[in-house]
N, C-alpha and C. Protein backbone atom coordinates (compact mmCIF):
# COMPACT_ATOMS: atom_id res chain seq x y z
N MET A 1 113.38 91.83 113.29
CA MET A 1 112.14 92.46 112.91
C MET A 1 111.46 93.00 114.17
N PRO A 2 111.06 94.26 114.16
CA PRO A 2 110.40 94.85 115.32
C PRO A 2 109.08 94.13 115.66
N ALA A 3 108.71 94.16 116.93
CA ALA A 3 107.50 93.47 117.40
C ALA A 3 106.25 93.97 116.69
N HIS A 4 106.17 95.29 116.44
CA HIS A 4 105.00 95.85 115.76
C HIS A 4 104.85 95.26 114.36
N GLU A 5 105.94 95.18 113.64
CA GLU A 5 105.89 94.61 112.29
C GLU A 5 105.54 93.13 112.34
N ARG A 6 106.07 92.42 113.33
CA ARG A 6 105.76 91.00 113.49
C ARG A 6 104.26 90.79 113.71
N ARG A 7 103.66 91.66 114.55
CA ARG A 7 102.22 91.57 114.81
C ARG A 7 101.41 91.83 113.53
N LEU A 8 101.81 92.85 112.77
CA LEU A 8 101.11 93.16 111.52
C LEU A 8 101.18 91.98 110.56
N ARG A 9 102.37 91.44 110.40
CA ARG A 9 102.55 90.31 109.47
C ARG A 9 101.78 89.08 109.94
N SER A 10 101.77 88.84 111.23
CA SER A 10 101.06 87.67 111.77
C SER A 10 99.56 87.79 111.50
N ARG A 11 99.01 88.96 111.75
CA ARG A 11 97.56 89.17 111.50
C ARG A 11 97.26 89.05 110.02
N LEU A 12 98.14 89.56 109.19
CA LEU A 12 97.95 89.48 107.74
C LEU A 12 97.91 88.02 107.29
N VAL A 13 98.82 87.21 107.81
CA VAL A 13 98.84 85.78 107.45
C VAL A 13 97.56 85.10 107.92
N GLN A 14 97.08 85.45 109.12
CA GLN A 14 95.83 84.87 109.61
C GLN A 14 94.68 85.17 108.66
N LEU A 15 94.58 86.42 108.23
CA LEU A 15 93.49 86.81 107.34
C LEU A 15 93.60 86.15 105.97
N LEU A 16 94.82 86.08 105.46
CA LEU A 16 95.01 85.47 104.14
C LEU A 16 94.76 83.97 104.18
N SER A 17 94.89 83.36 105.35
CA SER A 17 94.64 81.93 105.50
C SER A 17 93.16 81.65 105.78
N ALA A 18 92.38 82.69 106.02
CA ALA A 18 90.96 82.52 106.30
C ALA A 18 90.25 82.03 105.04
N HIS A 19 88.98 81.75 105.17
CA HIS A 19 88.24 81.13 104.07
C HIS A 19 87.63 82.11 103.08
N GLY A 20 87.87 83.38 103.22
CA GLY A 20 87.30 84.27 102.23
C GLY A 20 87.65 85.72 102.41
N LEU A 21 87.77 86.39 101.28
CA LEU A 21 87.97 87.83 101.23
C LEU A 21 87.12 88.34 100.06
N LEU A 22 86.44 89.43 100.27
CA LEU A 22 85.68 90.04 99.18
C LEU A 22 85.95 91.53 99.15
N ARG A 23 86.27 92.03 97.97
CA ARG A 23 86.46 93.46 97.76
C ARG A 23 85.14 94.04 97.30
N GLY A 24 84.68 95.06 97.98
CA GLY A 24 83.44 95.69 97.57
C GLY A 24 82.74 96.36 98.73
N THR A 25 81.56 96.87 98.42
CA THR A 25 80.74 97.56 99.41
C THR A 25 79.37 96.90 99.41
N LEU A 26 78.80 96.76 100.59
CA LEU A 26 77.45 96.22 100.68
C LEU A 26 76.45 97.36 100.58
N SER A 27 75.45 97.16 99.76
CA SER A 27 74.45 98.19 99.52
C SER A 27 73.05 97.61 99.70
N ALA A 28 72.29 98.20 100.62
CA ALA A 28 70.90 97.77 100.84
C ALA A 28 70.02 98.52 99.84
N ARG A 29 69.14 97.81 99.19
CA ARG A 29 68.25 98.41 98.20
C ARG A 29 66.80 98.05 98.51
N GLU A 30 65.91 98.94 98.13
CA GLU A 30 64.48 98.67 98.23
C GLU A 30 63.88 98.88 96.85
N ARG A 31 62.93 98.02 96.49
CA ARG A 31 62.34 98.14 95.17
C ARG A 31 60.90 97.65 95.19
N THR A 32 60.20 97.96 94.12
CA THR A 32 58.85 97.44 93.92
C THR A 32 58.92 96.37 92.84
N CYS A 33 58.06 95.37 92.97
CA CYS A 33 58.10 94.26 92.02
C CYS A 33 57.17 94.49 90.83
N GLY A 34 56.19 95.35 91.00
CA GLY A 34 55.27 95.63 89.89
C GLY A 34 54.03 94.76 89.87
N LYS A 35 53.91 93.81 90.77
CA LYS A 35 52.72 92.95 90.81
C LYS A 35 51.56 93.72 91.43
N PRO A 36 50.43 93.76 90.77
CA PRO A 36 49.28 94.46 91.36
C PRO A 36 48.84 93.76 92.65
N GLY A 37 48.51 94.54 93.64
CA GLY A 37 48.05 93.98 94.91
C GLY A 37 49.17 93.61 95.86
N CYS A 38 50.43 93.70 95.43
CA CYS A 38 51.54 93.37 96.32
C CYS A 38 51.70 94.49 97.35
N ARG A 39 52.24 94.13 98.50
CA ARG A 39 52.45 95.12 99.57
C ARG A 39 53.36 96.26 99.12
N CYS A 40 54.22 96.00 98.14
CA CYS A 40 55.14 97.05 97.70
C CYS A 40 54.41 98.18 96.98
N THR A 41 53.23 97.90 96.45
CA THR A 41 52.45 98.97 95.81
C THR A 41 51.88 99.93 96.85
N ARG A 42 51.83 99.48 98.11
CA ARG A 42 51.35 100.33 99.21
C ARG A 42 52.51 100.99 99.96
N GLY A 43 53.71 100.88 99.42
CA GLY A 43 54.86 101.54 100.03
C GLY A 43 55.78 100.62 100.82
N GLU A 44 55.38 99.38 101.06
CA GLU A 44 56.22 98.43 101.79
C GLU A 44 57.13 97.71 100.79
N LYS A 45 58.20 98.36 100.42
CA LYS A 45 59.06 97.85 99.35
C LYS A 45 59.83 96.60 99.77
N HIS A 46 60.24 95.85 98.77
CA HIS A 46 61.06 94.65 98.97
C HIS A 46 62.51 95.08 99.19
N GLY A 47 63.14 94.50 100.20
CA GLY A 47 64.53 94.83 100.49
C GLY A 47 65.47 93.78 99.91
N GLY A 48 66.66 94.22 99.63
CA GLY A 48 67.68 93.32 99.13
C GLY A 48 69.06 93.88 99.44
N LEU A 49 70.03 93.00 99.53
CA LEU A 49 71.40 93.41 99.81
C LEU A 49 72.27 93.00 98.63
N TYR A 50 73.14 93.90 98.19
CA TYR A 50 74.00 93.64 97.05
C TYR A 50 75.44 93.95 97.40
N LEU A 51 76.34 93.14 96.88
CA LEU A 51 77.77 93.43 96.95
C LEU A 51 78.09 94.19 95.67
N VAL A 52 78.64 95.39 95.83
CA VAL A 52 78.96 96.24 94.69
C VAL A 52 80.48 96.37 94.60
N PHE A 53 81.03 96.12 93.41
CA PHE A 53 82.48 96.18 93.23
C PHE A 53 82.78 96.46 91.75
N SER A 54 84.01 96.87 91.50
CA SER A 54 84.41 97.09 90.11
C SER A 54 85.25 95.92 89.63
N GLU A 55 85.08 95.59 88.36
CA GLU A 55 85.82 94.50 87.76
C GLU A 55 86.13 94.90 86.32
N GLN A 56 87.41 94.98 86.00
CA GLN A 56 87.87 95.37 84.68
C GLN A 56 87.24 96.71 84.25
N GLY A 57 87.20 97.64 85.21
CA GLY A 57 86.70 98.98 84.93
C GLY A 57 85.19 99.12 84.87
N ARG A 58 84.48 98.05 85.15
CA ARG A 58 83.02 98.10 85.11
C ARG A 58 82.46 97.81 86.51
N LEU A 59 81.37 98.49 86.82
CA LEU A 59 80.71 98.30 88.11
C LEU A 59 79.86 97.03 88.05
N ARG A 60 80.03 96.17 89.05
CA ARG A 60 79.25 94.93 89.12
C ARG A 60 78.49 94.90 90.44
N GLN A 61 77.36 94.20 90.41
CA GLN A 61 76.54 94.03 91.61
C GLN A 61 76.12 92.57 91.69
N VAL A 62 76.26 92.01 92.87
CA VAL A 62 75.88 90.62 93.10
C VAL A 62 74.90 90.59 94.26
N PHE A 63 73.77 89.95 94.05
CA PHE A 63 72.76 89.82 95.10
C PHE A 63 73.30 88.95 96.23
N VAL A 64 73.05 89.37 97.46
CA VAL A 64 73.47 88.60 98.65
C VAL A 64 72.20 88.17 99.38
N SER A 65 71.99 86.87 99.47
CA SER A 65 70.80 86.36 100.15
C SER A 65 70.94 86.56 101.66
N ARG A 66 69.82 86.47 102.35
CA ARG A 66 69.86 86.62 103.81
C ARG A 66 70.75 85.57 104.46
N GLY A 67 70.75 84.38 103.90
CA GLY A 67 71.58 83.31 104.44
C GLY A 67 73.07 83.55 104.24
N GLN A 68 73.42 84.36 103.25
CA GLN A 68 74.82 84.65 102.96
C GLN A 68 75.32 85.93 103.62
N GLU A 69 74.40 86.75 104.10
CA GLU A 69 74.76 88.09 104.57
C GLU A 69 75.85 88.11 105.62
N LYS A 70 75.75 87.30 106.64
CA LYS A 70 76.73 87.31 107.73
C LYS A 70 78.13 86.98 107.19
N GLN A 71 78.22 85.95 106.35
CA GLN A 71 79.50 85.52 105.80
C GLN A 71 80.08 86.59 104.88
N VAL A 72 79.24 87.19 104.05
CA VAL A 72 79.71 88.22 103.11
C VAL A 72 80.20 89.44 103.88
N ARG A 73 79.48 89.83 104.92
CA ARG A 73 79.93 90.97 105.74
C ARG A 73 81.31 90.69 106.35
N LEU A 74 81.51 89.47 106.83
CA LEU A 74 82.80 89.09 107.40
C LEU A 74 83.89 89.17 106.34
N TRP A 75 83.66 88.62 105.15
CA TRP A 75 84.66 88.62 104.09
C TRP A 75 85.01 90.03 103.63
N VAL A 76 84.02 90.91 103.56
CA VAL A 76 84.28 92.30 103.18
C VAL A 76 85.12 92.99 104.26
N ALA A 77 84.78 92.75 105.53
CA ALA A 77 85.55 93.34 106.64
C ALA A 77 86.98 92.81 106.65
N GLN A 78 87.16 91.52 106.38
CA GLN A 78 88.50 90.94 106.34
C GLN A 78 89.32 91.53 105.20
N TYR A 79 88.71 91.76 104.07
CA TYR A 79 89.43 92.37 102.94
C TYR A 79 89.91 93.77 103.32
N ARG A 80 89.02 94.53 103.95
CA ARG A 80 89.40 95.89 104.37
C ARG A 80 90.55 95.86 105.36
N GLU A 81 90.51 94.90 106.29
CA GLU A 81 91.59 94.80 107.27
C GLU A 81 92.90 94.42 106.59
N VAL A 82 92.85 93.53 105.60
CA VAL A 82 94.06 93.17 104.85
C VAL A 82 94.66 94.41 104.21
N ARG A 83 93.83 95.24 103.59
CA ARG A 83 94.32 96.47 102.95
C ARG A 83 94.95 97.41 103.98
N GLU A 84 94.32 97.54 105.13
CA GLU A 84 94.86 98.42 106.18
C GLU A 84 96.20 97.90 106.68
N LEU A 85 96.31 96.58 106.86
CA LEU A 85 97.57 95.99 107.32
C LEU A 85 98.67 96.18 106.27
N LEU A 86 98.35 95.99 105.02
CA LEU A 86 99.34 96.20 103.96
C LEU A 86 99.81 97.65 103.94
N GLU A 87 98.89 98.58 104.09
CA GLU A 87 99.26 100.00 104.11
C GLU A 87 100.16 100.31 105.30
N ALA A 88 99.87 99.70 106.45
CA ALA A 88 100.71 99.92 107.63
C ALA A 88 102.12 99.38 107.39
N LEU A 89 102.22 98.21 106.76
CA LEU A 89 103.54 97.66 106.45
C LEU A 89 104.28 98.53 105.44
N VAL A 90 103.58 99.05 104.46
CA VAL A 90 104.21 99.95 103.47
C VAL A 90 104.76 101.19 104.17
N ARG A 91 103.97 101.76 105.10
CA ARG A 91 104.44 102.95 105.82
C ARG A 91 105.70 102.64 106.63
N LEU A 92 105.73 101.46 107.26
CA LEU A 92 106.93 101.07 108.01
C LEU A 92 108.15 100.98 107.10
N HIS A 93 107.97 100.38 105.96
CA HIS A 93 109.09 100.22 105.03
C HIS A 93 109.52 101.56 104.42
N LEU A 94 108.57 102.44 104.18
CA LEU A 94 108.93 103.77 103.69
C LEU A 94 109.73 104.54 104.74
N GLU A 95 109.34 104.38 106.00
CA GLU A 95 110.10 105.02 107.08
C GLU A 95 111.53 104.50 107.10
N ARG A 96 111.69 103.20 106.98
CA ARG A 96 113.03 102.60 106.95
C ARG A 96 113.84 103.09 105.76
N LEU A 97 113.17 103.19 104.63
CA LEU A 97 113.84 103.64 103.42
C LEU A 97 114.37 105.06 103.60
N GLY A 98 113.59 105.91 104.24
CA GLY A 98 114.01 107.28 104.48
C GLY A 98 115.14 107.40 105.48
N LYS A 99 115.32 106.40 106.35
CA LYS A 99 116.36 106.44 107.37
C LYS A 99 117.67 105.81 106.91
N GLU A 100 117.63 105.05 105.82
CA GLU A 100 118.83 104.38 105.35
C GLU A 100 119.78 105.36 104.69
N ASP A 101 121.05 105.09 104.80
CA ASP A 101 122.10 105.91 104.18
C ASP A 101 122.12 105.63 102.68
N PRO A 102 121.87 106.65 101.84
CA PRO A 102 121.83 106.42 100.39
C PRO A 102 123.15 105.92 99.82
N SER A 103 124.27 106.19 100.49
CA SER A 103 125.57 105.75 99.98
C SER A 103 125.81 104.27 100.24
N GLY A 104 124.96 103.67 101.07
CA GLY A 104 125.14 102.26 101.40
C GLY A 104 126.02 102.05 102.61
N ASP A 105 126.61 103.14 103.15
CA ASP A 105 127.44 103.05 104.35
C ASP A 105 126.53 103.15 105.58
N ALA A 106 126.49 102.13 106.36
CA ALA A 106 125.60 102.17 107.52
C ALA A 106 126.33 102.58 108.76
């Protein structure tokens, strides 16, 4: 196995052994609560962070608290890296497939 492929596979195993992966996009939102006299009625809206993803063809949103934000950002980044590594491995294998003799004679 070439060194480049070994590195890709090693990193992939590290990520898959980590404590979390999340598929989705983080979206910062601002809103008003509707309470009279609240600061949001003067334009200082309430902020919130949501993880947005699709599940069974439907868009879902999950609120991410400030205490969870760092961990969720890490898990989303790790998921993206896993996808990139898988795509790199697929490209390597497609290259090999194109170089192999279709008759089976090497």
